[in-house]
Amino acid sequence: MEKRIIPAVFVNEQLIKIFSELIDTNNLLKTFKFKLANYSELEKYSKEILISDELAILELEDQKQNYEQIYVIKISDSIKSQGTNETNISTLFAPFKVKDILEQIEKFDFQRDTQNKRKIAFTKFIYDPTTRILSDKEKSIRFTEKEAKIFQCLFSSKDHFIMKKDLLEQVWSYSQDIDTHTLETHIYSLRKKIENQLNLQNLINFREKKGYYLNKEIL
């Protein structure tokens, strides 16, 4: 099996030396190998994982969001790094061991594999309940929590149709005598959102006396 390449971009000479030596012992890594790269070479590699240092990551400001996970190695306290709210960036502090990075990568792979098993595949689209994203190869949409609950109730309904009162009970925990205006407003907004962002017409439909249903054939 061909090993996947994980690119590493460094300014720090110490890190370049450490990873150069690690590359020479690639036989120790069963499923992936590291590749020292410069900024212009990154387009050749997968956007799964990137390893960098504090100075190099500053040059990648416009590309950070393209990666699923970035590990930034902090070597020197003289470099004052700013905190980040970006969920795809983790910091490893010196002194560190190479096995620390390997463990982080294994953890990332495990979490991603677990998440992929939860994904629901339609003919053209994939829905990820963890991120609440419905996507095909070109377009994607992220649902709010309420929108995601409505969508999941619709596609998981055993009877194909789901009555308004049942949706209210499952999404809002309302009793059946509550006014349905709240549900109808959310359904209307969800339809428009799907039409505008995914160009899907008539995905959510309603039939009198039977309720709402999802037209899965166009997904």
C-alpha atoms as a PDB file:
ATOM      1  CA  MET A   1       0.000   0.000   0.000  1.00  0.00           C
ATOM      2  CA  GLU A   2       1.349   3.401  -0.983  1.00  0.00           C
ATOM      3  CA  LYS A   3       1.954   5.673   1.985  1.00  0.00           C
ATOM      4  CA  ARG A   4       0.156   8.991   2.067  1.00  0.00           C
ATOM      5  CA  ILE A   5       2.327  12.097   2.261  1.00  0.00           C
ATOM      6  CA  ILE A   6       2.032  14.591   5.112  1.00  0.00           C
ATOM      7  CA  PRO A   7       3.784  17.857   4.172  1.00  0.00           C
ATOM      8  CA  ALA A   8       5.843  19.809   6.699  1.00  0.00           C
ATOM      9  CA  VAL A   9       6.803  23.463   6.194  1.00  0.00           C
ATOM     10  CA  PHE A  10       9.354  24.964   8.574  1.00  0.00           C
ATOM     11  CA  VAL A  11      11.464  28.066   8.998  1.00  0.00           C
ATOM     12  CA  ASN A  12      13.167  26.760  12.132  1.00  0.00           C
ATOM     13  CA  GLU A  13      16.446  25.003  11.261  1.00  0.00           C
ATOM     14  CA  GLN A  14      16.205  22.651  14.242  1.00  0.00           C
ATOM     15  CA  LEU A  15      12.863  21.317  13.048  1.00  0.00           C
ATOM     16  CA  ILE A  16      14.144  20.944   9.502  1.00  0.00           C
ATOM     17  CA  LYS A  17      16.979  18.783  10.836  1.00  0.00           C
ATOM     18  CA  ILE A  18      14.686  16.665  13.028  1.00  0.00           C
ATOM     19  CA  PHE A  19      12.262  15.950  10.199  1.00  0.00           C
ATOM     20  CA  SER A  20      15.057  15.335   7.697  1.00  0.00           C
ATOM     21  CA  GLU A  21      16.320  12.572   9.975  1.00  0.00           C
ATOM     22  CA  LEU A  22      12.796  11.238  10.410  1.00  0.00           C
ATOM     23  CA  ILE A  23      12.289  11.085   6.643  1.00  0.00           C
ATOM     24  CA  ASP A  24      15.402   8.915   6.440  1.00  0.00           C
ATOM     25  CA  THR A  25      13.682   6.383   8.724  1.00  0.00           C
ATOM     26  CA  ASN A  26      10.349   6.308   6.892  1.00  0.00           C
ATOM     27  CA  ASN A  27      10.218   2.539   7.245  1.00  0.00           C
ATOM     28  CA  LEU A  28       9.127   3.135  10.846  1.00  0.00           C
ATOM     29  CA  LEU A  29       5.921   4.815   9.645  1.00  0.00           C
ATOM     30  CA  LYS A  30       3.505   2.241   8.259  1.00  0.00           C
ATOM     31  CA  THR A  31       0.728   4.327   6.723  1.00  0.00           C
ATOM     32  CA  PHE A  32       2.212   7.754   5.987  1.00  0.00           C
ATOM     33  CA  LYS A  33       5.474   9.588   5.435  1.00  0.00           C
ATOM     34  CA  PHE A  34       6.607  13.149   6.037  1.00  0.00           C
ATOM     35  CA  LYS A  35       7.762  15.409   3.230  1.00  0.00           C
ATOM     36  CA  LEU A  36       9.657  18.645   3.778  1.00  0.00           C
ATOM     37  CA  ALA A  37       8.083  21.160   1.429  1.00  0.00           C
ATOM     38  CA  ASN A  38       8.218  24.836   0.588  1.00  0.00           C
ATOM     39  CA  TYR A  39       5.187  27.070   0.209  1.00  0.00           C
ATOM     40  CA  SER A  40       4.929  26.683  -3.568  1.00  0.00           C
ATOM     41  CA  GLU A  41       4.876  22.868  -3.357  1.00  0.00           C
ATOM     42  CA  LEU A  42       1.902  22.541  -1.018  1.00  0.00           C
ATOM     43  CA  GLU A  43      -0.649  22.429  -3.838  1.00  0.00           C
ATOM     44  CA  LYS A  44       0.736  19.029  -4.852  1.00  0.00           C
ATOM     45  CA  TYR A  45      -0.261  17.377  -1.585  1.00  0.00           C
ATOM     46  CA  SER A  46      -3.455  16.421   0.195  1.00  0.00           C
ATOM     47  CA  LYS A  47      -5.183  19.040   2.338  1.00  0.00           C
ATOM     48  CA  GLU A  48      -5.684  16.599   5.212  1.00  0.00           C
ATOM     49  CA  ILE A  49      -2.799  17.423   7.556  1.00  0.00           C
ATOM     50  CA  LEU A  50      -0.059  20.051   7.590  1.00  0.00           C
ATOM     51  CA  ILE A  51       2.817  20.361  10.049  1.00  0.00           C
ATOM     52  CA  SER A  52       4.406  23.762  10.494  1.00  0.00           C
ATOM     53  CA  ASP A  53       6.137  26.077  12.933  1.00  0.00           C
ATOM     54  CA  GLU A  54       5.120  29.498  14.216  1.00  0.00           C
ATOM     55  CA  LEU A  55       6.964  31.503  11.585  1.00  0.00           C
ATOM     56  CA  ALA A  56       5.977  29.346   8.624  1.00  0.00           C
ATOM     57  CA  ILE A  57       2.291  29.378   9.539  1.00  0.00           C
ATOM     58  CA  LEU A  58       2.280  33.178   9.317  1.00  0.00           C
ATOM     59  CA  GLU A  59       3.039  32.856   5.608  1.00  0.00           C
ATOM     60  CA  LEU A  60       0.092  30.493   5.186  1.00  0.00           C
ATOM     61  CA  GLU A  61      -2.590  32.774   6.587  1.00  0.00           C
ATOM     62  CA  ASP A  62      -4.752  32.520   3.461  1.00  0.00           C
ATOM     63  CA  GLN A  63      -4.404  28.734   3.216  1.00  0.00           C
ATOM     64  CA  LYS A  64      -5.008  27.633   6.806  1.00  0.00           C
ATOM     65  CA  GLN A  65      -8.733  27.082   6.331  1.00  0.00           C
ATOM     66  CA  ASN A  66      -8.043  24.624   3.484  1.00  0.00           C
ATOM     67  CA  TYR A  67      -6.603  21.986   5.821  1.00  0.00           C
ATOM     68  CA  GLU A  68      -8.548  19.572   7.989  1.00  0.00           C
ATOM     69  CA  GLN A  69      -5.851  19.696  10.675  1.00  0.00           C
ATOM     70  CA  ILE A  70      -2.673  21.751  11.212  1.00  0.00           C
ATOM     71  CA  TYR A  71      -0.073  21.023  13.880  1.00  0.00           C
ATOM     72  CA  VAL A  72       2.037  24.069  14.754  1.00  0.00           C
ATOM     73  CA  ILE A  73       5.233  23.299  16.666  1.00  0.00           C
ATOM     74  CA  LYS A  74       6.282  26.042  19.079  1.00  0.00           C
ATOM     75  CA  ILE A  75      10.034  25.988  19.668  1.00  0.00           C
ATOM     76  CA  SER A  76      10.985  29.405  20.995  1.00  0.00           C
ATOM     77  CA  ASP A  77       9.353  31.521  23.694  1.00  0.00           C
ATOM     78  CA  SER A  78      10.827  34.572  21.990  1.00  0.00           C
ATOM     79  CA  ILE A  79       8.128  34.293  19.340  1.00  0.00           C
ATOM     80  CA  LYS A  80       4.938  35.670  20.787  1.00  0.00           C
ATOM     81  CA  SER A  81       2.164  33.680  19.204  1.00  0.00           C
ATOM     82  CA  GLN A  82      -1.385  34.933  19.209  1.00  0.00           C
ATOM     83  CA  GLY A  83      -4.183  32.698  20.377  1.00  0.00           C
ATOM     84  CA  THR A  84      -6.442  31.192  17.771  1.00  0.00           C
ATOM     85  CA  ASN A  85     -10.070  30.166  17.726  1.00  0.00           C
ATOM     86  CA  GLU A  86      -9.538  28.039  14.640  1.00  0.00           C
ATOM     87  CA  THR A  87     -10.605  24.505  15.473  1.00  0.00           C
ATOM     88  CA  ASN A  88      -8.320  22.915  12.877  1.00  0.00           C
ATOM     89  CA  ILE A  89      -5.094  24.204  14.486  1.00  0.00           C
ATOM     90  CA  SER A  90      -3.319  22.495  17.390  1.00  0.00           C
ATOM     91  CA  THR A  91      -0.089  23.631  19.048  1.00  0.00           C
ATOM     92  CA  LEU A  92       2.686  21.292  20.173  1.00  0.00           C
ATOM     93  CA  PHE A  93       5.219  22.765  22.594  1.00  0.00           C
ATOM     94  CA  ALA A  94       8.942  22.066  22.887  1.00  0.00           C
ATOM     95  CA  PRO A  95      10.502  19.958  24.148  1.00  0.00           C
ATOM     96  CA  PHE A  96       8.533  17.425  22.153  1.00  0.00           C
ATOM     97  CA  LYS A  97       9.069  13.917  20.880  1.00  0.00           C
ATOM     98  CA  VAL A  98       8.296  12.728  17.381  1.00  0.00           C
ATOM     99  CA  LYS A  99       6.005  10.106  18.892  1.00  0.00           C
ATOM    100  CA  ASP A 100       3.855  12.974  20.225  1.00  0.00           C
ATOM    101  CA  ILE A 101       3.158  14.057  16.646  1.00  0.00           C
ATOM    102  CA  LEU A 102       2.546  10.480  15.538  1.00  0.00           C
ATOM    103  CA  GLU A 103       0.030  10.005  18.353  1.00  0.00           C
ATOM    104  CA  GLN A 104      -1.757  13.207  17.347  1.00  0.00           C
ATOM    105  CA  ILE A 105      -1.985  12.048  13.727  1.00  0.00           C
ATOM    106  CA  GLU A 106      -3.292   8.630  14.775  1.00  0.00           C
ATOM    107  CA  LYS A 107      -5.900  10.339  16.956  1.00  0.00           C
ATOM    108  CA  PHE A 108      -6.938  12.569  14.048  1.00  0.00           C
ATOM    109  CA  ASP A 109      -7.266   9.553  11.734  1.00  0.00           C
ATOM    110  CA  PHE A 110      -9.361   7.665  14.284  1.00  0.00           C
ATOM    111  CA  GLN A 111     -11.716  10.604  14.854  1.00  0.00           C
ATOM    112  CA  ARG A 112     -12.121  11.206  11.129  1.00  0.00           C
ATOM    113  CA  ASP A 113     -12.806   7.517  10.434  1.00  0.00           C
ATOM    114  CA  THR A 114     -15.400   7.476  13.210  1.00  0.00           C
ATOM    115  CA  GLN A 115     -17.020  10.594  11.796  1.00  0.00           C
ATOM    116  CA  ASN A 116     -17.053   9.166   8.267  1.00  0.00           C
ATOM    117  CA  LYS A 117     -18.909   6.086   9.491  1.00  0.00           C
ATOM    118  CA  ARG A 118     -21.671   8.357  10.761  1.00  0.00           C
ATOM    119  CA  LYS A 119     -22.108  10.102   7.422  1.00  0.00           C
ATOM    120  CA  ILE A 120     -25.253   9.365   5.442  1.00  0.00           C
ATOM    121  CA  ALA A 121     -24.738   8.869   1.715  1.00  0.00           C
ATOM    122  CA  PHE A 122     -27.496   9.657  -0.757  1.00  0.00           C
ATOM    123  CA  THR A 123     -27.093   9.265  -4.534  1.00  0.00           C
ATOM    124  CA  LYS A 124     -25.417  12.648  -5.111  1.00  0.00           C
ATOM    125  CA  PHE A 125     -25.163  14.183  -1.656  1.00  0.00           C
ATOM    126  CA  ILE A 126     -23.586  13.266   1.677  1.00  0.00           C
ATOM    127  CA  TYR A 127     -24.941  14.417   5.018  1.00  0.00           C
ATOM    128  CA  ASP A 128     -22.637  14.671   8.031  1.00  0.00           C
ATOM    129  CA  PRO A 129     -24.657  14.823  11.284  1.00  0.00           C
ATOM    130  CA  THR A 130     -21.574  15.852  13.264  1.00  0.00           C
ATOM    131  CA  THR A 131     -20.972  19.067  11.316  1.00  0.00           C
ATOM    132  CA  ARG A 132     -24.594  19.394  10.105  1.00  0.00           C
ATOM    133  CA  ILE A 133     -23.315  19.759   6.517  1.00  0.00           C
ATOM    134  CA  LEU A 134     -25.123  18.492   3.416  1.00  0.00           C
ATOM    135  CA  SER A 135     -22.834  18.519   0.381  1.00  0.00           C
ATOM    136  CA  ASP A 136     -22.074  17.188  -3.061  1.00  0.00           C
ATOM    137  CA  LYS A 137     -18.815  17.548  -5.001  1.00  0.00           C
ATOM    138  CA  GLU A 138     -19.389  21.244  -5.724  1.00  0.00           C
ATOM    139  CA  LYS A 139     -21.788  22.727  -3.169  1.00  0.00           C
ATOM    140  CA  SER A 140     -22.436  22.490   0.547  1.00  0.00           C
ATOM    141  CA  ILE A 141     -24.793  23.856   3.155  1.00  0.00           C
ATOM    142  CA  ARG A 142     -24.539  23.950   6.946  1.00  0.00           C
ATOM    143  CA  PHE A 143     -27.782  23.620   8.883  1.00  0.00           C
ATOM    144  CA  THR A 144     -28.568  25.288  12.175  1.00  0.00           C
ATOM    145  CA  GLU A 145     -29.340  22.918  15.047  1.00  0.00           C
ATOM    146  CA  LYS A 146     -33.107  23.206  14.513  1.00  0.00           C
ATOM    147  CA  GLU A 147     -32.760  22.819  10.736  1.00  0.00           C
ATOM    148  CA  ALA A 148     -30.627  19.718  11.247  1.00  0.00           C
ATOM    149  CA  LYS A 149     -33.233  18.177  13.549  1.00  0.00           C
ATOM    150  CA  ILE A 150     -35.978  18.832  10.997  1.00  0.00           C
ATOM    151  CA  PHE A 151     -33.883  17.382   8.167  1.00  0.00           C
ATOM    152  CA  GLN A 152     -32.979  14.276  10.155  1.00  0.00           C
ATOM    153  CA  CYS A 153     -36.594  13.695  11.167  1.00  0.00           C
ATOM    154  CA  LEU A 154     -37.636  13.913   7.522  1.00  0.00           C
ATOM    155  CA  PHE A 155     -35.069  11.522   6.064  1.00  0.00           C
ATOM    156  CA  SER A 156     -35.339   9.012   8.918  1.00  0.00           C
ATOM    157  CA  SER A 157     -39.136   8.830   8.978  1.00  0.00           C
ATOM    158  CA  LYS A 158     -40.111   5.163   8.619  1.00  0.00           C
ATOM    159  CA  ASP A 159     -43.462   6.005   7.031  1.00  0.00           C
ATOM    160  CA  HIS A 160     -41.932   8.420   4.492  1.00  0.00           C
ATOM    161  CA  PHE A 161     -44.396  11.087   5.677  1.00  0.00           C
ATOM    162  CA  ILE A 162     -44.248  12.823   9.047  1.00  0.00           C
ATOM    163  CA  MET A 163     -47.136  14.800  10.506  1.00  0.00           C
ATOM    164  CA  LYS A 164     -46.701  18.350  11.778  1.00  0.00           C
ATOM    165  CA  LYS A 165     -47.501  17.352  15.348  1.00  0.00           C
ATOM    166  CA  ASP A 166     -44.832  14.641  15.253  1.00  0.00           C
ATOM    167  CA  LEU A 167     -42.216  17.077  13.944  1.00  0.00           C
ATOM    168  CA  LEU A 168     -43.104  19.536  16.683  1.00  0.00           C
ATOM    169  CA  GLU A 169     -42.787  16.850  19.336  1.00  0.00           C
ATOM    170  CA  GLN A 170     -39.444  15.583  18.035  1.00  0.00           C
ATOM    171  CA  VAL A 171     -37.814  18.945  17.286  1.00  0.00           C
ATOM    172  CA  TRP A 172     -39.301  21.239  19.935  1.00  0.00           C
ATOM    173  CA  SER A 173     -40.806  18.735  22.401  1.00  0.00           C
ATOM    174  CA  TYR A 174     -44.143  20.496  21.947  1.00  0.00           C
ATOM    175  CA  SER A 175     -47.474  18.845  22.659  1.00  0.00           C
ATOM    176  CA  GLN A 176     -49.783  18.315  19.689  1.00  0.00           C
ATOM    177  CA  ASP A 177     -52.111  21.197  20.561  1.00  0.00           C
ATOM    178  CA  ILE A 178     -49.375  23.849  20.114  1.00  0.00           C
ATOM    179  CA  ASP A 179     -49.729  26.250  17.158  1.00  0.00           C
ATOM    180  CA  THR A 180     -47.775  25.002  14.117  1.00  0.00           C
ATOM    181  CA  HIS A 181     -46.724  28.470  12.926  1.00  0.00           C
ATOM    182  CA  THR A 182     -43.203  28.040  14.361  1.00  0.00           C
ATOM    183  CA  LEU A 183     -42.683  24.828  12.403  1.00  0.00           C
ATOM    184  CA  GLU A 184     -44.074  26.265   9.174  1.00  0.00           C
ATOM    185  CA  THR A 185     -41.770  29.291   9.450  1.00  0.00           C
ATOM    186  CA  HIS A 186     -38.714  27.074   9.927  1.00  0.00           C
ATOM    187  CA  ILE A 187     -39.719  24.793   7.048  1.00  0.00           C
ATOM    188  CA  TYR A 188     -40.180  27.798   4.748  1.00  0.00           C
ATOM    189  CA  SER A 189     -36.750  29.205   5.668  1.00  0.00           C
ATOM    190  CA  LEU A 190     -35.121  25.791   5.285  1.00  0.00           C
ATOM    191  CA  ARG A 191     -36.643  25.310   1.828  1.00  0.00           C
ATOM    192  CA  LYS A 192     -35.368  28.696   0.669  1.00  0.00           C
ATOM    193  CA  LYS A 193     -31.916  28.038   2.096  1.00  0.00           C
ATOM    194  CA  ILE A 194     -31.672  24.697   0.278  1.00  0.00           C
ATOM    195  CA  GLU A 195     -32.968  26.165  -2.981  1.00  0.00           C
ATOM    196  CA  ASN A 196     -30.577  29.124  -2.899  1.00  0.00           C
ATOM    197  CA  GLN A 197     -27.418  27.348  -1.758  1.00  0.00           C
ATOM    198  CA  LEU A 198     -27.804  23.869  -3.268  1.00  0.00           C
ATOM    199  CA  ASN A 199     -30.106  24.690  -6.182  1.00  0.00           C
ATOM    200  CA  LEU A 200     -32.456  21.896  -5.107  1.00  0.00           C
ATOM    201  CA  GLN A 201     -36.107  22.567  -5.851  1.00  0.00           C
ATOM    202  CA  ASN A 202     -38.937  20.815  -3.987  1.00  0.00           C
ATOM    203  CA  LEU A 203     -36.754  18.795  -1.637  1.00  0.00           C
ATOM    204  CA  ILE A 204     -39.181  19.277   1.269  1.00  0.00           C
ATOM    205  CA  ASN A 205     -42.825  18.769   0.362  1.00  0.00           C
ATOM    206  CA  PHE A 206     -46.183  18.640   2.103  1.00  0.00           C
ATOM    207  CA  ARG A 207     -49.248  16.520   1.384  1.00  0.00           C
ATOM    208  CA  GLU A 208     -52.568  17.253   3.051  1.00  0.00           C
ATOM    209  CA  LYS A 209     -53.587  14.750   5.761  1.00  0.00           C
ATOM    210  CA  LYS A 210     -50.232  12.945   5.453  1.00  0.00           C
ATOM    211  CA  GLY A 211     -47.658  15.572   6.380  1.00  0.00           C
ATOM    212  CA  TYR A 212     -44.175  16.556   5.248  1.00  0.00           C
ATOM    213  CA  TYR A 213     -41.862  14.314   3.270  1.00  0.00           C
ATOM    214  CA  LEU A 214     -38.356  14.493   1.829  1.00  0.00           C
ATOM    215  CA  ASN A 215     -37.880  13.917  -1.893  1.00  0.00           C
ATOM    216  CA  LYS A 216     -34.780  11.724  -1.470  1.00  0.00           C
ATOM    217  CA  GLU A 217     -34.615  10.928  -5.191  1.00  0.00           C
ATOM    218  CA  ILE A 218     -33.043  14.315  -5.943  1.00  0.00           C
ATOM    219  CA  LEU A 219     -30.390  14.042  -3.220  1.00  0.00           C
END
